[in-house]
PDB file of N, CA and C in Angstrom:
ATOM      1  N   PRO A   1     -34.292  89.337-171.981  1.00  0.00           N
ATOM      2  CA  PRO A   1     -34.083  89.797-170.902  1.00  0.00           C
ATOM      3  C   PRO A   1     -34.950  91.351-170.483  1.00  0.00           C
ATOM      4  N   PRO A   2     -35.486  91.609-170.027  1.00  0.00           N
ATOM      5  CA  PRO A   2     -35.622  93.475-170.075  1.00  0.00           C
ATOM      6  C   PRO A   2     -34.346  94.660-168.943  1.00  0.00           C
ATOM      7  N   PHE A   3     -34.432  95.322-169.910  1.00  0.00           N
ATOM      8  CA  PHE A   3     -33.609  96.418-170.044  1.00  0.00           C
ATOM      9  C   PHE A   3     -33.498  96.718-168.304  1.00  0.00           C
ATOM     10  N   GLY A   4     -35.386  96.887-167.636  1.00  0.00           N
ATOM     11  CA  GLY A   4     -35.005  97.480-166.163  1.00  0.00           C
ATOM     12  C   GLY A   4     -33.985  96.570-165.320  1.00  0.00           C
ATOM     13  N   VAL A   5     -34.665  96.142-164.498  1.00  0.00           N
ATOM     14  CA  VAL A   5     -34.527  94.995-163.484  1.00  0.00           C
ATOM     15  C   VAL A   5     -34.902  93.476-163.915  1.00  0.00           C
ATOM     16  N   VAL A   6     -34.086  92.488-163.186  1.00  0.00           N
ATOM     17  CA  VAL A   6     -35.029  90.688-163.009  1.00  0.00           C
ATOM     18  C   VAL A   6     -34.267  90.751-161.511  1.00  0.00           C
ATOM     19  N   LEU A   7     -35.797  90.520-160.933  1.00  0.00           N
ATOM     20  CA  LEU A   7     -35.931  89.552-159.483  1.00  0.00           C
ATOM     21  C   LEU A   7     -35.700  88.848-159.733  1.00  0.00           C
ATOM     22  N   PHE A   8     -35.060  87.495-159.060  1.00  0.00           N
ATOM     23  CA  PHE A   8     -35.385  86.002-158.967  1.00  0.00           C
ATOM     24  C   PHE A   8     -35.429  85.934-157.617  1.00  0.00           C
ATOM     25  N   ALA A   9     -37.342  85.120-157.120  1.00  0.00           N
ATOM     26  CA  ALA A   9     -37.454  85.554-156.224  1.00  0.00           C
ATOM     27  C   ALA A   9     -39.394  84.399-156.264  1.00  0.00           C
ATOM     28  N   PRO A  10     -38.820  83.790-155.500  1.00  0.00           N
ATOM     29  CA  PRO A  10     -37.804  83.118-154.484  1.00  0.00           C
ATOM     30  C   PRO A  10     -36.459  82.219-155.625  1.00  0.00           C
ATOM     31  N   CYS A  11     -35.862  82.369-154.923  1.00  0.00           N
ATOM     32  CA  CYS A  11     -34.318  81.102-155.791  1.00  0.00           C
ATOM     33  C   CYS A  11     -34.184  80.656-154.526  1.00  0.00           C
ATOM     34  N   SER A  12     -34.199  79.305-155.571  1.00  0.00           N
ATOM     35  CA  SER A  12     -33.889  77.645-154.966  1.00  0.00           C
ATOM     36  C   SER A  12     -32.113  77.580-154.592  1.00  0.00           C
ATOM     37  N   PHE A  13     -32.141  76.593-153.677  1.00  0.00           N
ATOM     38  CA  PHE A  13     -30.556  76.123-153.597  1.00  0.00           C
ATOM     39  C   PHE A  13     -30.008  75.336-154.721  1.00  0.00           C
ATOM     40  N   ASN A  14     -31.260  75.089-156.076  1.00  0.00           N
ATOM     41  CA  ASN A  14     -30.351  74.025-156.959  1.00  0.00           C
ATOM     42  C   ASN A  14     -30.159  75.162-157.991  1.00  0.00           C
ATOM     43  N   SER A  15     -31.792  76.293-158.281  1.00  0.00           N
ATOM     44  CA  SER A  15     -31.401  77.442-159.637  1.00  0.00           C
ATOM     45  C   SER A  15     -30.327  78.522-158.713  1.00  0.00           C
ATOM     46  N   LEU A  16     -29.923  78.962-157.315  1.00  0.00           N
ATOM     47  CA  LEU A  16     -28.547  79.663-157.077  1.00  0.00           C
ATOM     48  C   LEU A  16     -26.691  79.060-157.504  1.00  0.00           C
ATOM     49  N   ASN A  17     -27.267  78.102-157.360  1.00  0.00           N
ATOM     50  CA  ASN A  17     -25.961  77.150-157.571  1.00  0.00           C
ATOM     51  C   ASN A  17     -25.892  76.984-159.039  1.00  0.00           C
ATOM     52  N   LYS A  18     -27.555  76.658-159.805  1.00  0.00           N
ATOM     53  CA  LYS A  18     -27.082  76.746-161.272  1.00  0.00           C
ATOM     54  C   LYS A  18     -26.819  78.097-162.536  1.00  0.00           C
ATOM     55  N   LEU A  19     -26.892  78.836-161.541  1.00  0.00           N
ATOM     56  CA  LEU A  19     -27.314  80.388-162.340  1.00  0.00           C
ATOM     57  C   LEU A  19     -25.289  80.704-161.462  1.00  0.00           C
ATOM     58  N   ALA A  20     -24.604  80.164-160.874  1.00  0.00           N
ATOM     59  CA  ALA A  20     -23.763  80.531-160.149  1.00  0.00           C
ATOM     60  C   ALA A  20     -22.214  79.977-161.321  1.00  0.00           C
ATOM     61  N   HIS A  21     -22.973  78.996-161.755  1.00  0.00           N
ATOM     62  CA  HIS A  21     -22.522  78.410-162.684  1.00  0.00           C
ATOM     63  C   HIS A  21     -22.367  77.987-164.001  1.00  0.00           C
ATOM     64  N   GLY A  22     -23.028  79.138-164.486  1.00  0.00           N
ATOM     65  CA  GLY A  22     -23.874  79.369-165.635  1.00  0.00           C
ATOM     66  C   GLY A  22     -24.715  78.723-167.098  1.00  0.00           C
ATOM     67  N   VAL A  23     -26.051  77.494-165.582  1.00  0.00           N
ATOM     68  CA  VAL A  23     -25.988  76.745-166.157  1.00  0.00           C
ATOM     69  C   VAL A  23     -27.805  77.733-166.497  1.00  0.00           C
ATOM     70  N   ALA A  24     -28.171  77.667-167.563  1.00  0.00           N
ATOM     71  CA  ALA A  24     -29.558  78.018-168.089  1.00  0.00           C
ATOM     72  C   ALA A  24     -30.314  77.450-168.791  1.00  0.00           C
ATOM     73  N   ASP A  25     -30.750  75.897-167.405  1.00  0.00           N
ATOM     74  CA  ASP A  25     -31.533  74.764-168.469  1.00  0.00           C
ATOM     75  C   ASP A  25     -33.236  75.600-168.647  1.00  0.00           C
ATOM     76  N   SER A  26     -33.517  76.564-167.843  1.00  0.00           N
ATOM     77  CA  SER A  26     -34.824  76.363-167.394  1.00  0.00           C
ATOM     78  C   SER A  26     -35.091  77.891-168.405  1.00  0.00           C
ATOM     79  N   LEU A  27     -36.515  78.126-168.446  1.00  0.00           N
ATOM     80  CA  LEU A  27     -36.898  79.383-169.065  1.00  0.00           C
ATOM     81  C   LEU A  27     -36.032  81.077-167.508  1.00  0.00           C
ATOM     82  N   ALA A  28     -36.701  80.282-166.664  1.00  0.00           N
ATOM     83  CA  ALA A  28     -36.488  81.671-165.224  1.00  0.00           C
ATOM     84  C   ALA A  28     -34.710  81.790-165.982  1.00  0.00           C
ATOM     85  N   LEU A  29     -33.788  81.034-165.634  1.00  0.00           N
ATOM     86  CA  LEU A  29     -32.571  80.717-165.407  1.00  0.00           C
ATOM     87  C   LEU A  29     -31.328  80.940-166.897  1.00  0.00           C
ATOM     88  N   SER A  30     -32.722  81.292-168.134  1.00  0.00           N
ATOM     89  CA  SER A  30     -32.467  82.101-169.515  1.00  0.00           C
ATOM     90  C   SER A  30     -32.419  83.021-169.215  1.00  0.00           C
ATOM     91  N   VAL A  31     -33.496  83.619-169.131  1.00  0.00           N
ATOM     92  CA  VAL A  31     -33.805  84.629-168.366  1.00  0.00           C
ATOM     93  C   VAL A  31     -32.302  85.841-168.018  1.00  0.00           C
ATOM     94  N   VAL A  32     -32.613  84.871-166.373  1.00  0.00           N
ATOM     95  CA  VAL A  32     -31.301  85.133-165.417  1.00  0.00           C
ATOM     96  C   VAL A  32     -29.949  86.030-166.650  1.00  0.00           C
ATOM     97  N   ALA A  33     -29.477  84.229-166.987  1.00  0.00           N
ATOM     98  CA  ALA A  33     -28.530  84.882-167.352  1.00  0.00           C
ATOM     99  C   ALA A  33     -27.987  85.593-168.019  1.00  0.00           C
ATOM    100  N   GLU A  34     -29.157  85.624-169.340  1.00  0.00           N
ATOM    101  CA  GLU A  34     -29.267  86.608-170.596  1.00  0.00           C
ATOM    102  C   GLU A  34     -29.164  88.430-169.693  1.00  0.00           C
ATOM    103  N   ALA A  35     -29.260  88.550-168.381  1.00  0.00           N
ATOM    104  CA  ALA A  35     -30.125  90.210-167.961  1.00  0.00           C
ATOM    105  C   ALA A  35     -28.324  90.381-167.395  1.00  0.00           C
ATOM    106  N   ILE A  36     -27.636  89.268-167.036  1.00  0.00           N
ATOM    107  CA  ILE A  36     -26.433  89.251-166.021  1.00  0.00           C
ATOM    108  C   ILE A  36     -25.097  89.659-167.638  1.00  0.00           C
ATOM    109  N   GLY A  37     -25.776  88.827-168.655  1.00  0.00           N
ATOM    110  CA  GLY A  37     -24.803  89.154-169.684  1.00  0.00           C
ATOM    111  C   GLY A  37     -24.773  90.440-170.124  1.00  0.00           C
ATOM    112  N   ARG A  38     -25.921  90.940-170.582  1.00  0.00           N
ATOM    113  CA  ARG A  38     -26.284  92.647-170.829  1.00  0.00           C
ATOM    114  C   ARG A  38     -26.139  93.615-169.700  1.00  0.00           C
ATOM    115  N   ARG A  39     -25.921  92.733-168.592  1.00  0.00           N
ATOM    116  CA  ARG A  39     -25.207  94.282-167.818  1.00  0.00           C
ATOM    117  C   ARG A  39     -27.468  94.091-166.582  1.00  0.00           C
ATOM    118  N   THR A  40     -28.147  94.030-167.742  1.00  0.00           N
ATOM    119  CA  THR A  40     -29.549  94.333-166.650  1.00  0.00           C
ATOM    120  C   THR A  40     -29.035  94.314-165.830  1.00  0.00           C
ATOM    121  N   PRO A  41     -29.507  95.192-164.094  1.00  0.00           N
ATOM    122  CA  PRO A  41     -29.671  94.927-162.736  1.00  0.00           C
ATOM    123  C   PRO A  41     -30.156  93.296-162.301  1.00  0.00           C
ATOM    124  N   VAL A  42     -29.749  92.645-161.805  1.00  0.00           N
ATOM    125  CA  VAL A  42     -30.256  91.489-161.408  1.00  0.00           C
ATOM    126  C   VAL A  42     -30.502  91.136-159.938  1.00  0.00           C
ATOM    127  N   ILE A  43     -31.779  91.070-159.499  1.00  0.00           N
ATOM    128  CA  ILE A  43     -31.199  90.825-158.029  1.00  0.00           C
ATOM    129  C   ILE A  43     -31.881  89.586-157.763  1.00  0.00           C
ATOM    130  N   VAL A  44     -31.110  88.132-156.718  1.00  0.00           N
ATOM    131  CA  VAL A  44     -32.084  87.490-156.896  1.00  0.00           C
ATOM    132  C   VAL A  44     -31.595  87.268-155.290  1.00  0.00           C
ATOM    133  N   ALA A  45     -33.043  86.773-154.702  1.00  0.00           N
ATOM    134  CA  ALA A  45     -33.523  86.416-153.339  1.00  0.00           C
ATOM    135  C   ALA A  45     -33.245  84.925-152.762  1.00  0.00           C
ATOM    136  N   PRO A  46     -32.643  83.973-152.749  1.00  0.00           N
ATOM    137  CA  PRO A  46     -32.760  83.335-151.816  1.00  0.00           C
ATOM    138  C   PRO A  46     -33.492  82.866-150.832  1.00  0.00           C
ATOM    139  N   SER A  47     -34.384  81.814-150.738  1.00  0.00           N
ATOM    140  CA  SER A  47     -34.951  80.998-149.817  1.00  0.00           C
ATOM    141  C   SER A  47     -34.741  80.077-149.441  1.00  0.00           C
ATOM    142  N   LEU A  48     -33.321  79.327-148.830  1.00  0.00           N
ATOM    143  CA  LEU A  48     -32.680  78.400-148.222  1.00  0.00           C
ATOM    144  C   LEU A  48     -33.072  78.384-146.683  1.00  0.00           C
ATOM    145  N   ASN A  49     -33.133  77.351-146.056  1.00  0.00           N
ATOM    146  CA  ASN A  49     -33.302  76.477-145.389  1.00  0.00           C
ATOM    147  C   ASN A  49     -31.459  76.600-144.600  1.00  0.00           C
ATOM    148  N   ALA A  50     -31.610  76.752-143.377  1.00  0.00           N
ATOM    149  CA  ALA A  50     -30.721  76.989-142.574  1.00  0.00           C
ATOM    150  C   ALA A  50     -29.108  75.665-143.099  1.00  0.00           C
ATOM    151  N   PRO A  51     -29.887  74.148-143.060  1.00  0.00           N
ATOM    152  CA  PRO A  51     -28.087  73.690-143.736  1.00  0.00           C
ATOM    153  C   PRO A  51     -28.313  73.944-145.600  1.00  0.00           C
ATOM    154  N   LEU A  52     -28.877  74.533-146.193  1.00  0.00           N
ATOM    155  CA  LEU A  52     -28.563  74.887-147.194  1.00  0.00           C
ATOM    156  C   LEU A  52     -28.284  76.457-147.570  1.00  0.00           C
ATOM    157  N   LEU A  53     -28.175  76.760-146.108  1.00  0.00           N
ATOM    158  CA  LEU A  53     -27.783  78.377-146.279  1.00  0.00           C
ATOM    159  C   LEU A  53     -26.081  77.673-146.040  1.00  0.00           C
ATOM    160  N   ALA A  54     -26.021  76.789-145.295  1.00  0.00           N
ATOM    161  CA  ALA A  54     -24.739  76.881-144.842  1.00  0.00           C
ATOM    162  C   ALA A  54     -23.323  75.990-145.686  1.00  0.00           C
ATOM    163  N   HIS A  55     -24.040  76.033-146.613  1.00  0.00           N
ATOM    164  CA  HIS A  55     -23.704  74.535-147.709  1.00  0.00           C
ATOM    165  C   HIS A  55     -22.913  75.074-148.579  1.00  0.00           C
ATOM    166  N   PRO A  56     -21.372  74.699-147.869  1.00  0.00           N
ATOM    167  CA  PRO A  56     -20.429  75.109-148.452  1.00  0.00           C
ATOM    168  C   PRO A  56     -20.554  75.859-150.186  1.00  0.00           C
ATOM    169  N   GLN A  57     -21.208  75.236-151.271  1.00  0.00           N
ATOM    170  CA  GLN A  57     -21.383  75.465-152.785  1.00  0.00           C
ATOM    171  C   GLN A  57     -22.906  76.994-152.593  1.00  0.00           C
ATOM    172  N   ALA A  58     -23.293  76.923-151.538  1.00  0.00           N
ATOM    173  CA  ALA A  58     -24.222  77.836-151.285  1.00  0.00           C
ATOM    174  C   ALA A  58     -23.420  79.617-151.109  1.00  0.00           C
ATOM    175  N   GLN A  59     -22.278  78.396-150.304  1.00  0.00           N
ATOM    176  CA  GLN A  59     -22.058  80.079-149.820  1.00  0.00           C
ATOM    177  C   GLN A  59     -20.947  80.588-150.486  1.00  0.00           C
ATOM    178  N   ALA A  60     -20.848  79.376-152.155  1.00  0.00           N
ATOM    179  CA  ALA A  60     -20.250  79.785-152.710  1.00  0.00           C
ATOM    180  C   ALA A  60     -21.024  80.143-153.953  1.00  0.00           C
ATOM    181  N   SER A  61     -21.358  80.771-154.600  1.00  0.00           N
ATOM    182  CA  SER A  61     -22.179  80.758-155.324  1.00  0.00           C
ATOM    183  C   SER A  61     -22.924  82.441-154.838  1.00  0.00           C
ATOM    184  N   LEU A  62     -23.277  82.822-153.432  1.00  0.00           N
ATOM    185  CA  LEU A  62     -23.772  83.427-152.732  1.00  0.00           C
ATOM    186  C   LEU A  62     -22.006  84.557-153.042  1.00  0.00           C
ATOM    187  N   ARG A  63     -21.342  84.555-153.164  1.00  0.00           N
ATOM    188  CA  ARG A  63     -19.930  84.951-153.077  1.00  0.00           C
ATOM    189  C   ARG A  63     -19.757  85.887-154.973  1.00  0.00           C
ATOM    190  N   THR A  64     -19.983  84.614-155.516  1.00  0.00           N
ATOM    191  CA  THR A  64     -19.583  84.672-156.892  1.00  0.00           C
ATOM    192  C   THR A  64     -20.775  85.515-157.986  1.00  0.00           C
ATOM    193  N   LEU A  65     -22.482  85.293-157.903  1.00  0.00           N
ATOM    194  CA  LEU A  65     -23.105  86.168-158.360  1.00  0.00           C
ATOM    195  C   LEU A  65     -22.440  87.366-157.885  1.00  0.00           C
ATOM    196  N   PRO A  66     -22.609  88.289-156.631  1.00  0.00           N
ATOM    197  CA  PRO A  66     -22.082  89.724-156.675  1.00  0.00           C
ATOM    198  C   PRO A  66     -21.196  90.483-157.377  1.00  0.00           C
ATOM    199  N   GLU A  67     -19.931  88.946-157.326  1.00  0.00           N
ATOM    200  CA  GLU A  67     -19.003  89.717-158.322  1.00  0.00           C
ATOM    201  C   GLU A  67     -19.418  89.429-159.506  1.00  0.00           C
ATOM    202  N   TRP A  68     -20.990  89.110-160.278  1.00  0.00           N
ATOM    203  CA  TRP A  68     -21.176  89.183-161.693  1.00  0.00           C
ATOM    204  C   TRP A  68     -22.081  90.926-161.605  1.00  0.00           C
ATOM    205  N   GLY A  69     -22.157  90.925-160.740  1.00  0.00           N
ATOM    206  CA  GLY A  69     -23.142  92.558-160.472  1.00  0.00           C
ATOM    207  C   GLY A  69     -24.351  91.975-160.154  1.00  0.00           C
ATOM    208  N   VAL A  70     -24.499  90.889-159.448  1.00  0.00           N
ATOM    209  CA  VAL A  70     -26.066  90.312-158.745  1.00  0.00           C
ATOM    210  C   VAL A  70     -26.393  91.297-157.596  1.00  0.00           C
ATOM    211  N   THR A  71     -27.275  91.664-157.845  1.00  0.00           N
ATOM    212  CA  THR A  71     -27.725  92.570-155.755  1.00  0.00           C
ATOM    213  C   THR A  71     -27.890  90.897-155.120  1.00  0.00           C
ATOM    214  N   ILE A  72     -27.518  90.301-154.246  1.00  0.00           N
ATOM    215  CA  ILE A  72     -28.461  89.875-153.118  1.00  0.00           C
ATOM    216  C   ILE A  72     -29.014  89.683-152.312  1.00  0.00           C
ATOM    217  N   VAL A  73     -30.357  89.584-151.871  1.00  0.00           N
ATOM    218  CA  VAL A  73     -31.482  89.928-150.434  1.00  0.00           C
ATOM    219  C   VAL A  73     -31.152  88.364-149.945  1.00  0.00           C
ATOM    220  N   PRO A  74     -30.304  88.876-149.104  1.00  0.00           N
ATOM    221  CA  PRO A  74     -30.125  87.458-148.388  1.00  0.00           C
ATOM    222  C   PRO A  74     -31.834  86.901-147.791  1.00  0.00           C
ATOM    223  N   PRO A  75     -31.438  86.035-147.311  1.00  0.00           N
ATOM    224  CA  PRO A  75     -32.569  85.656-146.041  1.00  0.00           C
ATOM    225  C   PRO A  75     -32.797  85.818-144.908  1.00  0.00           C
ATOM    226  N   VAL A  76     -33.786  86.186-144.918  1.00  0.00           N
ATOM    227  CA  VAL A  76     -33.916  86.980-143.100  1.00  0.00           C
ATOM    228  C   VAL A  76     -34.562  85.714-141.418  1.00  0.00           C
ATOM    229  N   ASP A  77     -34.054  85.785-140.847  1.00  0.00           N
ATOM    230  CA  ASP A  77     -34.257  84.860-139.820  1.00  0.00           C
ATOM    231  C   ASP A  77     -34.663  85.959-138.209  1.00  0.00           C
ATOM    232  N   ASP A  78     -36.247  85.147-138.070  1.00  0.00           N
ATOM    233  CA  ASP A  78     -37.045  85.372-137.390  1.00  0.00           C
ATOM    234  C   ASP A  78     -37.079  84.854-135.928  1.00  0.00           C
ATOM    235  N   GLY A  79     -35.756  84.219-135.835  1.00  0.00           N
ATOM    236  CA  GLY A  79     -35.919  83.325-134.837  1.00  0.00           C
ATOM    237  C   GLY A  79     -36.453  81.661-135.356  1.00  0.00           C
ATOM    238  N   ASN A  80     -37.104  81.438-136.728  1.00  0.00           N
ATOM    239  CA  ASN A  80     -37.315  80.214-136.853  1.00  0.00           C
ATOM    240  C   ASN A  80     -36.028  79.686-138.054  1.00  0.00           C
ATOM    241  N   GLY A  81     -35.496  80.535-138.138  1.00  0.00           N
ATOM    242  CA  GLY A  81     -34.623  79.617-139.383  1.00  0.00           C
ATOM    243  C   GLY A  81     -35.106  81.328-140.610  1.00  0.00           C
ATOM    244  N   PRO A  82     -34.301  80.817-141.136  1.00  0.00           N
ATOM    245  CA  PRO A  82     -33.659  81.661-142.210  1.00  0.00           C
ATOM    246  C   PRO A  82     -34.930  81.489-143.398  1.00  0.00           C
ATOM    247  N   ARG A  83     -35.799  81.898-144.390  1.00  0.00           N
ATOM    248  CA  ARG A  83     -36.388  82.070-145.164  1.00  0.00           C
ATOM    249  C   ARG A  83     -36.292  83.584-146.032  1.00  0.00           C
ATOM    250  N   LEU A  84     -37.209  83.356-147.028  1.00  0.00           N
ATOM    251  CA  LEU A  84     -37.324  84.242-148.221  1.00  0.00           C
ATOM    252  C   LEU A  84     -37.412  85.884-147.506  1.00  0.00           C
ATOM    253  N   ALA A  85     -36.647  86.618-147.616  1.00  0.00           N
ATOM    254  CA  ALA A  85     -36.882  87.736-147.506  1.00  0.00           C
ATOM    255  C   ALA A  85     -38.261  88.648-147.742  1.00  0.00           C
ATOM    256  N   PRO A  86     -38.830  89.643-147.166  1.00  0.00           N
ATOM    257  CA  PRO A  86     -40.114  89.692-146.130  1.00  0.00           C
ATOM    258  C   PRO A  86     -40.010  90.691-147.838  1.00  0.00           C
ATOM    259  N   THR A  87     -41.676  90.791-148.755  1.00  0.00           N
ATOM    260  CA  THR A  87     -42.065  91.752-150.068  1.00  0.00           C
ATOM    261  C   THR A  87     -41.290  93.641-149.940  1.00  0.00           C
ATOM    262  N   ALA A  88     -41.597  93.803-148.207  1.00  0.00           N
ATOM    263  CA  ALA A  88     -40.704  94.941-148.370  1.00  0.00           C
ATOM    264  C   ALA A  88     -38.870  96.142-148.919  1.00  0.00           C
ATOM    265  N   LEU A  89     -38.559  93.894-148.146  1.00  0.00           N
ATOM    266  CA  LEU A  89     -37.406  93.947-148.581  1.00  0.00           C
ATOM    267  C   LEU A  89     -36.918  93.925-150.183  1.00  0.00           C
ATOM    268  N   LEU A  90     -37.808  92.798-151.046  1.00  0.00           N
ATOM    269  CA  LEU A  90     -37.175  92.727-152.449  1.00  0.00           C
ATOM    270  C   LEU A  90     -38.285  94.013-153.089  1.00  0.00           C
ATOM    271  N   LEU A  91     -38.865  95.118-152.382  1.00  0.00           N
ATOM    272  CA  LEU A  91     -38.905  96.281-152.936  1.00  0.00           C
ATOM    273  C   LEU A  91     -38.016  97.028-153.060  1.00  0.00           C
ATOM    274  N   ASP A  92     -38.064  97.480-151.670  1.00  0.00           N
ATOM    275  CA  ASP A  92     -36.748  98.062-151.840  1.00  0.00           C
ATOM    276  C   ASP A  92     -35.485  98.232-152.426  1.00  0.00           C
ATOM    277  N   ALA A  93     -35.233  96.584-152.966  1.00  0.00           N
ATOM    278  CA  ALA A  93     -34.166  96.357-153.871  1.00  0.00           C
ATOM    279  C   ALA A  93     -34.671  96.687-154.981  1.00  0.00           C
ATOM    280  N   VAL A  94     -35.620  96.500-155.492  1.00  0.00           N
ATOM    281  CA  VAL A  94     -36.124  96.996-156.936  1.00  0.00           C
ATOM    282  C   VAL A  94     -36.062  98.805-157.041  1.00  0.00           C
ATOM    283  N   ARG A  95     -36.767  98.561-156.335  1.00  0.00           N
ATOM    284  CA  ARG A  95     -36.606 100.691-156.341  1.00  0.00           C
ATOM    285  C   ARG A  95     -36.136 101.494-157.465  1.00  0.00           C
ATOM    286  N   PRO A  96     -34.947 101.285-156.911  1.00  0.00           N
ATOM    287  CA  PRO A  96     -33.817 102.039-157.388  1.00  0.00           C
ATOM    288  C   PRO A  96     -33.734 101.678-158.821  1.00  0.00           C
ATOM    289  N   TYR A  97     -34.732 101.637-159.499  1.00  0.00           N
ATOM    290  CA  TYR A  97     -35.189 100.195-160.692  1.00  0.00           C
ATOM    291  C   TYR A  97     -36.081 100.838-161.509  1.00  0.00           C
ATOM    292  N   ALA A  98     -36.875 101.192-160.869  1.00  0.00           N
ATOM    293  CA  ALA A  98     -38.018 101.466-160.787  1.00  0.00           C
ATOM    294  C   ALA A  98     -37.891 102.984-161.500  1.00  0.00           C
ATOM    295  N   PRO A  99     -39.408 102.813-162.673  1.00  0.00           N
ATOM    296  CA  PRO A  99     -39.325 104.240-162.956  1.00  0.00           C
ATOM    297  C   PRO A  99     -39.026 105.058-162.332  1.00  0.00           C
ATOM    298  N   ARG A 100     -39.327 106.326-162.292  1.00  0.00           N
ATOM    299  CA  ARG A 100     -40.225 107.026-161.470  1.00  0.00           C
ATOM    300  C   ARG A 100     -40.965 108.609-162.591  1.00  0.00           C
ATOM    301  N   GLY A 101     -42.672 107.955-161.616  1.00  0.00           N
ATOM    302  CA  GLY A 101     -43.524 108.704-162.871  1.00  0.00           C
ATOM    303  C   GLY A 101     -44.197 109.804-161.909  1.00  0.00           C
TER     304      GLY A 101
END
């Protein structure tokens, strides 16, 4: 993984829970897992509907990942149920790690 920052967006229910259990069975999960191990900043933006967001395992994963240094950009609910955070919020989360030039 790069030493700058890794943004995992959108992150599905499946990927969120695999990541929190250390499962790296795809290239995307392997990159994120290595970044966590290297202490490279990782930002995860889940894209989950209301029932999946409320699921006990998703809630456990959302508690576990920050303990490992992962930043969570939570879904946003504009009145139509939770959705992936808007691009502006994702960029705000990445910006502190972007080179200034």
